[in-house]
């Protein structure tokens, strides 16, 4: 199993969308919220993604395509 910690920033128009939940359902990964601050206008989440490296990378790319910013907290996927 691999793990990657990321910082996700949500623009106002994406706050109500279940992007993290959908990433976990769509890809074979476990999502673990480590810290978060979300309100009506903006939000961010520090998220740990666990699973196979290829699934983690695909999920992170998919989240970017949904319109959120995904920045690694730790640069490498840890296996």
C-alpha atoms as a PDB file:
ATOM      1  CA  UNK A   1       0.000   0.000   0.000  1.00  0.00           C
ATOM      2  CA  UNK A   2       1.138   3.498  -0.824  1.00  0.00           C
ATOM      3  CA  UNK A   3       0.194   6.781   0.824  1.00  0.00           C
ATOM      4  CA  UNK A   4       0.207  10.409  -0.306  1.00  0.00           C
ATOM      5  CA  UNK A   5      -0.724  13.526   1.662  1.00  0.00           C
ATOM      6  CA  UNK A   6      -2.197  16.392  -0.335  1.00  0.00           C
ATOM      7  CA  UNK A   7      -3.616  19.859   0.296  1.00  0.00           C
ATOM      8  CA  UNK A   8      -6.821  20.412  -1.672  1.00  0.00           C
ATOM      9  CA  UNK A   9      -8.276  23.885  -2.229  1.00  0.00           C
ATOM     10  CA  UNK A  10     -11.899  24.248  -3.312  1.00  0.00           C
ATOM     11  CA  UNK A  11     -13.177  27.305  -5.194  1.00  0.00           C
ATOM     12  CA  UNK A  12     -16.591  28.641  -4.166  1.00  0.00           C
ATOM     13  CA  UNK A  13     -18.484  26.871  -6.966  1.00  0.00           C
ATOM     14  CA  UNK A  14     -17.085  23.457  -5.900  1.00  0.00           C
ATOM     15  CA  UNK A  15     -17.727  23.650  -2.120  1.00  0.00           C
ATOM     16  CA  UNK A  16     -21.018  21.726  -2.277  1.00  0.00           C
ATOM     17  CA  UNK A  17     -19.714  18.909  -4.515  1.00  0.00           C
ATOM     18  CA  UNK A  18     -18.667  15.591  -2.884  1.00  0.00           C
ATOM     19  CA  UNK A  19     -15.343  15.442  -4.743  1.00  0.00           C
ATOM     20  CA  UNK A  20     -13.392  13.604  -2.011  1.00  0.00           C
ATOM     21  CA  UNK A  21     -16.146  11.034  -1.538  1.00  0.00           C
ATOM     22  CA  UNK A  22     -16.437  10.488  -5.295  1.00  0.00           C
ATOM     23  CA  UNK A  23     -12.660  10.046  -5.638  1.00  0.00           C
ATOM     24  CA  UNK A  24     -12.762   7.293  -3.023  1.00  0.00           C
ATOM     25  CA  UNK A  25     -15.676   5.563  -4.767  1.00  0.00           C
ATOM     26  CA  UNK A  26     -14.286   5.994  -8.277  1.00  0.00           C
ATOM     27  CA  UNK A  27     -10.750   4.793  -7.488  1.00  0.00           C
ATOM     28  CA  UNK A  28      -9.661   2.039  -5.153  1.00  0.00           C
ATOM     29  CA  UNK A  29      -8.291   4.397  -2.484  1.00  0.00           C
ATOM     30  CA  UNK A  30      -8.997   5.272   1.123  1.00  0.00           C
ATOM     31  CA  UNK A  31      -9.396   8.997   1.829  1.00  0.00           C
ATOM     32  CA  UNK A  32      -8.558  10.260   5.312  1.00  0.00           C
ATOM     33  CA  UNK A  33      -9.203  13.923   6.173  1.00  0.00           C
ATOM     34  CA  UNK A  34      -6.392  15.133   8.431  1.00  0.00           C
ATOM     35  CA  UNK A  35      -7.376  18.825   8.704  1.00  0.00           C
ATOM     36  CA  UNK A  36      -9.951  21.025   7.024  1.00  0.00           C
ATOM     37  CA  UNK A  37     -11.492  24.488   6.942  1.00  0.00           C
ATOM     38  CA  UNK A  38     -14.610  24.874   4.817  1.00  0.00           C
ATOM     39  CA  UNK A  39     -17.199  27.657   4.714  1.00  0.00           C
ATOM     40  CA  UNK A  40     -19.723  28.964   2.172  1.00  0.00           C
ATOM     41  CA  UNK A  41     -17.140  30.760   0.025  1.00  0.00           C
ATOM     42  CA  UNK A  42     -13.960  28.680   0.120  1.00  0.00           C
ATOM     43  CA  UNK A  43     -12.401  25.623   1.617  1.00  0.00           C
ATOM     44  CA  UNK A  44      -9.283  23.543   1.973  1.00  0.00           C
ATOM     45  CA  UNK A  45      -8.595  20.002   3.138  1.00  0.00           C
ATOM     46  CA  UNK A  46      -5.383  18.206   4.089  1.00  0.00           C
ATOM     47  CA  UNK A  47      -6.070  14.705   2.850  1.00  0.00           C
ATOM     48  CA  UNK A  48      -4.218  11.414   3.040  1.00  0.00           C
ATOM     49  CA  UNK A  49      -4.768   9.060   0.101  1.00  0.00           C
ATOM     50  CA  UNK A  50      -3.926   5.373   0.615  1.00  0.00           C
ATOM     51  CA  UNK A  51      -3.948   2.608  -1.990  1.00  0.00           C
ATOM     52  CA  UNK A  52      -1.976   1.484  -5.011  1.00  0.00           C
ATOM     53  CA  UNK A  53       0.323   4.172  -6.445  1.00  0.00           C
ATOM     54  CA  UNK A  54      -1.432   4.171  -9.813  1.00  0.00           C
ATOM     55  CA  UNK A  55      -4.865   4.588  -8.179  1.00  0.00           C
ATOM     56  CA  UNK A  56      -3.610   7.461  -5.991  1.00  0.00           C
ATOM     57  CA  UNK A  57      -2.136   9.268  -8.983  1.00  0.00           C
ATOM     58  CA  UNK A  58      -5.296   8.736 -11.037  1.00  0.00           C
ATOM     59  CA  UNK A  59      -7.512   9.994  -8.196  1.00  0.00           C
ATOM     60  CA  UNK A  60      -5.385  13.124  -7.703  1.00  0.00           C
ATOM     61  CA  UNK A  61      -5.508  13.869 -11.430  1.00  0.00           C
ATOM     62  CA  UNK A  62      -9.282  13.298 -11.517  1.00  0.00           C
ATOM     63  CA  UNK A  63      -9.781  15.731  -8.605  1.00  0.00           C
ATOM     64  CA  UNK A  64      -7.807  18.372 -10.531  1.00  0.00           C
ATOM     65  CA  UNK A  65     -10.071  17.797 -13.539  1.00  0.00           C
ATOM     66  CA  UNK A  66     -13.063  18.472 -11.271  1.00  0.00           C
ATOM     67  CA  UNK A  67     -11.764  22.007 -10.683  1.00  0.00           C
ATOM     68  CA  UNK A  68      -9.987  21.798  -7.331  1.00  0.00           C
ATOM     69  CA  UNK A  69      -6.315  22.502  -6.685  1.00  0.00           C
ATOM     70  CA  UNK A  70      -4.320  19.487  -5.480  1.00  0.00           C
ATOM     71  CA  UNK A  71      -0.869  20.186  -4.026  1.00  0.00           C
ATOM     72  CA  UNK A  72       1.307  17.490  -2.457  1.00  0.00           C
ATOM     73  CA  UNK A  73       2.195  18.015   1.201  1.00  0.00           C
ATOM     74  CA  UNK A  74       4.794  15.284   0.965  1.00  0.00           C
ATOM     75  CA  UNK A  75       6.459  15.188  -2.413  1.00  0.00           C
ATOM     76  CA  UNK A  76       6.649  11.410  -2.904  1.00  0.00           C
ATOM     77  CA  UNK A  77       4.204   8.588  -2.600  1.00  0.00           C
ATOM     78  CA  UNK A  78       5.328   6.547   0.402  1.00  0.00           C
ATOM     79  CA  UNK A  79       5.117   2.777   0.005  1.00  0.00           C
END
